[in-house]
Amino acid sequence: MRNPDWTRDELILALELYFRSGRRQLDATHPEVIALSGVLNSLGVHDGQERNAEFRNPNGTAMKLGNFSSVDPDRPGVGLARGNKLERVIWDEFAPNPERLYQVADAI
């Protein structure tokens, strides 16, 4: 069973971490990635029947940060290109205004 696609709220939280980390690619062992994984699992966005054992685990969460690096025009390299279209939408909405990103992420 495949995990559900990331939601808007989940992507906003991931983008917030990407910005807060200085737009760096953090790996799955980084404490902030592990913490975000825990938050994503506690959101209750997807019921347990839609999740497999790897749902929003630190590896997948770190990969999502890599997907954002692929849409970041200021980041050297190509990042991870196997993301979804919503990542670009979230990037375009929030990258020009990080303060708004932080506010929305806080509200989530």
N, C-alpha and C. Protein backbone atom coordinates (compact mmCIF):
# COMPACT_ATOMS: atom_id res chain seq x y z
N MET A 1 0.84 -1.17 0.00
CA MET A 1 0.00 0.00 0.00
C MET A 1 0.89 1.24 0.00
N ARG A 2 0.54 2.16 -0.82
CA ARG A 2 1.27 3.41 -0.93
C ARG A 2 0.67 4.45 0.02
N ASN A 3 1.53 5.28 0.60
CA ASN A 3 1.04 6.34 1.47
C ASN A 3 0.34 7.41 0.65
N PRO A 4 -0.60 8.14 1.27
CA PRO A 4 -1.30 9.20 0.55
C PRO A 4 -0.34 10.35 0.21
N ASP A 5 -0.72 11.10 -0.81
CA ASP A 5 0.04 12.29 -1.18
C ASP A 5 0.08 13.27 -0.01
N TRP A 6 1.11 14.08 0.00
CA TRP A 6 1.23 15.10 1.03
C TRP A 6 0.15 16.16 0.82
N THR A 7 -0.40 16.63 1.93
CA THR A 7 -1.42 17.68 1.87
C THR A 7 -0.76 19.06 1.91
N ARG A 8 -1.55 20.05 1.65
CA ARG A 8 -1.09 21.44 1.70
C ARG A 8 -0.48 21.75 3.07
N ASP A 9 -1.19 21.42 4.14
CA ASP A 9 -0.68 21.71 5.49
C ASP A 9 0.64 21.00 5.77
N GLU A 10 0.74 19.75 5.36
CA GLU A 10 1.98 19.00 5.57
C GLU A 10 3.14 19.65 4.81
N LEU A 11 2.87 20.07 3.59
CA LEU A 11 3.91 20.72 2.79
C LEU A 11 4.32 22.06 3.36
N ILE A 12 3.38 22.80 3.90
CA ILE A 12 3.70 24.08 4.54
C ILE A 12 4.64 23.85 5.72
N LEU A 13 4.37 22.83 6.52
CA LEU A 13 5.25 22.53 7.66
C LEU A 13 6.64 22.11 7.19
N ALA A 14 6.70 21.35 6.11
CA ALA A 14 8.00 20.93 5.57
C ALA A 14 8.76 22.13 5.01
N LEU A 15 8.06 23.01 4.30
CA LEU A 15 8.72 24.19 3.74
C LEU A 15 9.21 25.10 4.86
N GLU A 16 8.44 25.20 5.91
CA GLU A 16 8.87 26.02 7.06
C GLU A 16 10.18 25.49 7.62
N LEU A 17 10.31 24.18 7.76
CA LEU A 17 11.57 23.62 8.24
C LEU A 17 12.69 23.87 7.23
N TYR A 18 12.40 23.73 5.96
CA TYR A 18 13.40 23.99 4.92
C TYR A 18 13.94 25.42 5.05
N PHE A 19 13.06 26.38 5.24
CA PHE A 19 13.50 27.77 5.40
C PHE A 19 14.21 27.99 6.73
N ARG A 20 13.66 27.42 7.80
CA ARG A 20 14.26 27.60 9.13
C ARG A 20 15.65 26.99 9.20
N SER A 21 15.91 25.98 8.38
CA SER A 21 17.22 25.33 8.39
C SER A 21 18.22 26.04 7.47
N GLY A 22 17.84 27.18 6.95
CA GLY A 22 18.74 27.90 6.05
C GLY A 22 18.70 27.36 4.64
N ARG A 23 17.56 26.72 4.29
CA ARG A 23 17.36 26.15 2.95
C ARG A 23 18.41 25.09 2.63
N ARG A 24 18.71 24.30 3.65
CA ARG A 24 19.66 23.20 3.51
C ARG A 24 18.90 21.88 3.46
N GLN A 25 19.53 20.90 2.88
CA GLN A 25 18.98 19.55 2.88
C GLN A 25 19.40 18.88 4.19
N LEU A 26 18.44 18.59 5.04
CA LEU A 26 18.71 17.90 6.30
C LEU A 26 18.48 16.41 6.09
N ASP A 27 19.26 15.59 6.76
CA ASP A 27 19.06 14.15 6.59
C ASP A 27 18.10 13.60 7.64
N ALA A 28 17.78 12.33 7.50
CA ALA A 28 16.77 11.69 8.34
C ALA A 28 17.18 11.59 9.81
N THR A 29 18.46 11.79 10.11
CA THR A 29 18.90 11.69 11.51
C THR A 29 18.90 13.05 12.21
N HIS A 30 18.61 14.10 11.47
CA HIS A 30 18.62 15.44 12.07
C HIS A 30 17.44 15.56 13.04
N PRO A 31 17.67 16.08 14.24
CA PRO A 31 16.60 16.17 15.24
C PRO A 31 15.36 16.92 14.76
N GLU A 32 15.53 17.95 13.95
CA GLU A 32 14.37 18.71 13.45
C GLU A 32 13.55 17.89 12.46
N VAL A 33 14.20 17.06 11.67
CA VAL A 33 13.49 16.19 10.74
C VAL A 33 12.71 15.14 11.53
N ILE A 34 13.34 14.58 12.54
CA ILE A 34 12.66 13.59 13.38
C ILE A 34 11.46 14.23 14.09
N ALA A 35 11.63 15.45 14.58
CA ALA A 35 10.53 16.16 15.24
C ALA A 35 9.39 16.43 14.27
N LEU A 36 9.72 16.89 13.05
CA LEU A 36 8.67 17.15 12.07
C LEU A 36 7.95 15.86 11.70
N SER A 37 8.67 14.77 11.57
CA SER A 37 8.04 13.48 11.30
C SER A 37 7.00 13.16 12.37
N GLY A 38 7.35 13.40 13.61
CA GLY A 38 6.41 13.16 14.71
C GLY A 38 5.19 14.04 14.62
N VAL A 39 5.40 15.31 14.29
CA VAL A 39 4.27 16.24 14.14
C VAL A 39 3.36 15.78 13.00
N LEU A 40 3.96 15.42 11.88
CA LEU A 40 3.16 14.99 10.73
C LEU A 40 2.34 13.75 11.06
N ASN A 41 2.90 12.85 11.84
CA ASN A 41 2.17 11.65 12.22
C ASN A 41 1.06 11.94 13.22
N SER A 42 1.18 13.02 13.96
CA SER A 42 0.16 13.34 14.96
C SER A 42 -0.94 14.27 14.44
N LEU A 43 -0.80 14.78 13.23
CA LEU A 43 -1.79 15.72 12.70
C LEU A 43 -3.18 15.11 12.53
N GLY A 44 -3.24 13.85 12.22
CA GLY A 44 -4.54 13.23 11.99
C GLY A 44 -5.14 13.60 10.64
N VAL A 45 -4.30 14.01 9.71
CA VAL A 45 -4.77 14.40 8.39
C VAL A 45 -5.27 13.18 7.62
N HIS A 46 -4.59 12.08 7.76
CA HIS A 46 -4.96 10.84 7.08
C HIS A 46 -5.26 9.80 8.14
N ASP A 47 -6.37 9.10 7.98
CA ASP A 47 -6.67 8.09 9.00
C ASP A 47 -5.72 6.90 8.86
N GLY A 48 -5.65 6.10 9.88
CA GLY A 48 -4.70 5.00 9.94
C GLY A 48 -4.83 3.99 8.81
N GLN A 49 -6.00 3.88 8.21
CA GLN A 49 -6.19 2.92 7.13
C GLN A 49 -5.44 3.34 5.86
N GLU A 50 -5.15 4.61 5.71
CA GLU A 50 -4.47 5.11 4.51
C GLU A 50 -2.95 5.08 4.66
N ARG A 51 -2.45 4.74 5.81
CA ARG A 51 -1.02 4.82 6.10
C ARG A 51 -0.37 3.44 6.11
N ASN A 52 0.86 3.39 5.62
CA ASN A 52 1.63 2.17 5.85
C ASN A 52 2.65 2.47 6.95
N ALA A 53 3.48 1.52 7.29
CA ALA A 53 4.40 1.66 8.41
C ALA A 53 5.43 2.77 8.22
N GLU A 54 5.63 3.21 6.99
CA GLU A 54 6.63 4.24 6.72
C GLU A 54 6.02 5.63 6.57
N PHE A 55 4.76 5.79 6.96
CA PHE A 55 4.07 7.07 6.80
C PHE A 55 4.83 8.22 7.44
N ARG A 56 5.20 9.18 6.64
CA ARG A 56 5.87 10.42 7.07
C ARG A 56 7.01 10.15 8.06
N ASN A 57 7.75 9.06 7.81
CA ASN A 57 8.88 8.75 8.66
C ASN A 57 10.02 9.74 8.39
N PRO A 58 11.07 9.76 9.20
CA PRO A 58 12.15 10.71 8.98
C PRO A 58 12.78 10.63 7.59
N ASN A 59 12.88 9.42 7.02
CA ASN A 59 13.45 9.32 5.67
C ASN A 59 12.58 10.05 4.65
N GLY A 60 11.29 9.81 4.69
CA GLY A 60 10.37 10.47 3.75
C GLY A 60 10.29 11.96 3.98
N THR A 61 10.36 12.35 5.25
CA THR A 61 10.33 13.78 5.57
C THR A 61 11.58 14.47 5.05
N ALA A 62 12.73 13.85 5.22
CA ALA A 62 13.97 14.42 4.69
C ALA A 62 13.93 14.49 3.16
N MET A 63 13.35 13.48 2.54
CA MET A 63 13.24 13.51 1.08
C MET A 63 12.35 14.66 0.61
N LYS A 64 11.31 14.94 1.36
CA LYS A 64 10.43 16.05 0.99
C LYS A 64 11.19 17.37 1.03
N LEU A 65 12.10 17.53 1.99
CA LEU A 65 12.94 18.73 2.02
C LEU A 65 13.79 18.79 0.75
N GLY A 66 14.27 17.64 0.31
CA GLY A 66 15.03 17.58 -0.94
C GLY A 66 14.19 17.95 -2.14
N ASN A 67 12.90 17.62 -2.09
CA ASN A 67 12.01 18.04 -3.18
C ASN A 67 11.90 19.55 -3.23
N PHE A 68 11.85 20.19 -2.07
CA PHE A 68 11.80 21.65 -2.07
C PHE A 68 13.09 22.25 -2.61
N SER A 69 14.21 21.61 -2.36
CA SER A 69 15.46 22.14 -2.89
C SER A 69 15.47 22.09 -4.42
N SER A 70 14.67 21.21 -5.01
CA SER A 70 14.62 21.14 -6.47
C SER A 70 13.83 22.29 -7.08
N VAL A 71 12.96 22.94 -6.30
CA VAL A 71 12.22 24.09 -6.82
C VAL A 71 12.79 25.41 -6.34
N ASP A 72 13.82 25.35 -5.52
CA ASP A 72 14.47 26.55 -4.97
C ASP A 72 15.45 27.09 -6.02
N PRO A 73 15.15 28.25 -6.62
CA PRO A 73 16.03 28.78 -7.67
C PRO A 73 17.38 29.25 -7.14
N ASP A 74 17.50 29.47 -5.84
CA ASP A 74 18.75 29.94 -5.25
C ASP A 74 19.63 28.81 -4.75
N ARG A 75 19.17 27.60 -4.88
CA ARG A 75 19.93 26.44 -4.40
C ARG A 75 20.73 25.84 -5.54
N PRO A 76 22.03 25.67 -5.34
CA PRO A 76 22.81 25.03 -6.40
C PRO A 76 22.44 23.55 -6.53
N GLY A 77 22.60 23.02 -7.69
CA GLY A 77 22.27 21.61 -7.92
C GLY A 77 20.82 21.46 -8.31
N VAL A 78 20.38 20.22 -8.36
CA VAL A 78 19.03 19.96 -8.83
C VAL A 78 18.06 19.48 -7.75
N GLY A 79 18.54 19.08 -6.61
CA GLY A 79 17.66 18.57 -5.57
C GLY A 79 17.02 17.26 -5.98
N LEU A 80 15.97 16.88 -5.29
CA LEU A 80 15.24 15.65 -5.60
C LEU A 80 14.03 16.01 -6.46
N ALA A 81 14.00 15.50 -7.65
CA ALA A 81 13.00 15.93 -8.62
C ALA A 81 11.71 15.12 -8.63
N ARG A 82 11.57 14.14 -7.76
CA ARG A 82 10.37 13.31 -7.80
C ARG A 82 9.27 13.79 -6.87
N GLY A 83 9.09 15.06 -6.79
CA GLY A 83 8.04 15.61 -5.93
C GLY A 83 6.71 15.67 -6.67
N ASN A 84 5.82 16.50 -6.15
CA ASN A 84 4.54 16.67 -6.82
C ASN A 84 4.32 18.15 -7.17
N LYS A 85 3.27 18.41 -7.91
CA LYS A 85 3.00 19.78 -8.38
C LYS A 85 2.67 20.73 -7.23
N LEU A 86 2.10 20.20 -6.17
CA LEU A 86 1.71 21.06 -5.05
C LEU A 86 2.93 21.69 -4.38
N GLU A 87 4.06 21.03 -4.43
CA GLU A 87 5.28 21.63 -3.86
C GLU A 87 5.60 22.96 -4.54
N ARG A 88 5.48 23.01 -5.85
CA ARG A 88 5.74 24.25 -6.59
C ARG A 88 4.71 25.31 -6.22
N VAL A 89 3.47 24.92 -6.07
CA VAL A 89 2.41 25.86 -5.70
C VAL A 89 2.71 26.46 -4.32
N ILE A 90 3.06 25.60 -3.37
CA ILE A 90 3.38 26.06 -2.01
C ILE A 90 4.62 26.96 -2.05
N TRP A 91 5.62 26.55 -2.82
CA TRP A 91 6.84 27.37 -2.95
C TRP A 91 6.48 28.76 -3.47
N ASP A 92 5.74 28.81 -4.57
CA ASP A 92 5.40 30.09 -5.20
C ASP A 92 4.58 30.98 -4.27
N GLU A 93 3.76 30.37 -3.45
CA GLU A 93 2.92 31.14 -2.53
C GLU A 93 3.72 31.70 -1.35
N PHE A 94 4.63 30.90 -0.80
CA PHE A 94 5.26 31.29 0.46
C PHE A 94 6.72 31.73 0.37
N ALA A 95 7.47 31.31 -0.61
CA ALA A 95 8.89 31.67 -0.68
C ALA A 95 9.11 33.18 -0.73
N PRO A 96 8.26 33.95 -1.42
CA PRO A 96 8.49 35.39 -1.42
C PRO A 96 8.20 36.07 -0.07
N ASN A 97 7.50 35.37 0.82
CA ASN A 97 7.12 35.96 2.10
C ASN A 97 7.29 34.96 3.23
N PRO A 98 8.54 34.71 3.65
CA PRO A 98 8.78 33.72 4.70
C PRO A 98 8.05 34.02 6.02
N GLU A 99 7.85 35.28 6.34
CA GLU A 99 7.15 35.59 7.59
C GLU A 99 5.73 35.05 7.56
N ARG A 100 5.08 35.17 6.43
CA ARG A 100 3.73 34.60 6.29
C ARG A 100 3.80 33.08 6.41
N LEU A 101 4.81 32.48 5.82
CA LEU A 101 5.01 31.03 5.95
C LEU A 101 5.09 30.63 7.41
N TYR A 102 5.90 31.34 8.19
CA TYR A 102 6.06 31.02 9.61
C TYR A 102 4.73 31.17 10.36
N GLN A 103 3.96 32.19 10.01
CA GLN A 103 2.67 32.41 10.67
C GLN A 103 1.69 31.27 10.36
N VAL A 104 1.61 30.90 9.10
CA VAL A 104 0.69 29.84 8.70
C VAL A 104 1.12 28.51 9.31
N ALA A 105 2.42 28.23 9.29
CA ALA A 105 2.93 26.99 9.88
C ALA A 105 2.61 26.95 11.38
N ASP A 106 2.76 28.07 12.05
CA ASP A 106 2.44 28.16 13.47
C ASP A 106 0.96 27.84 13.72
N ALA A 107 0.11 28.33 12.84
CA ALA A 107 -1.34 28.11 12.99
C ALA A 107 -1.71 26.64 12.78
N ILE A 108 -0.95 25.96 11.95
CA ILE A 108 -1.22 24.54 11.71
C ILE A 108 -0.87 23.75 12.96
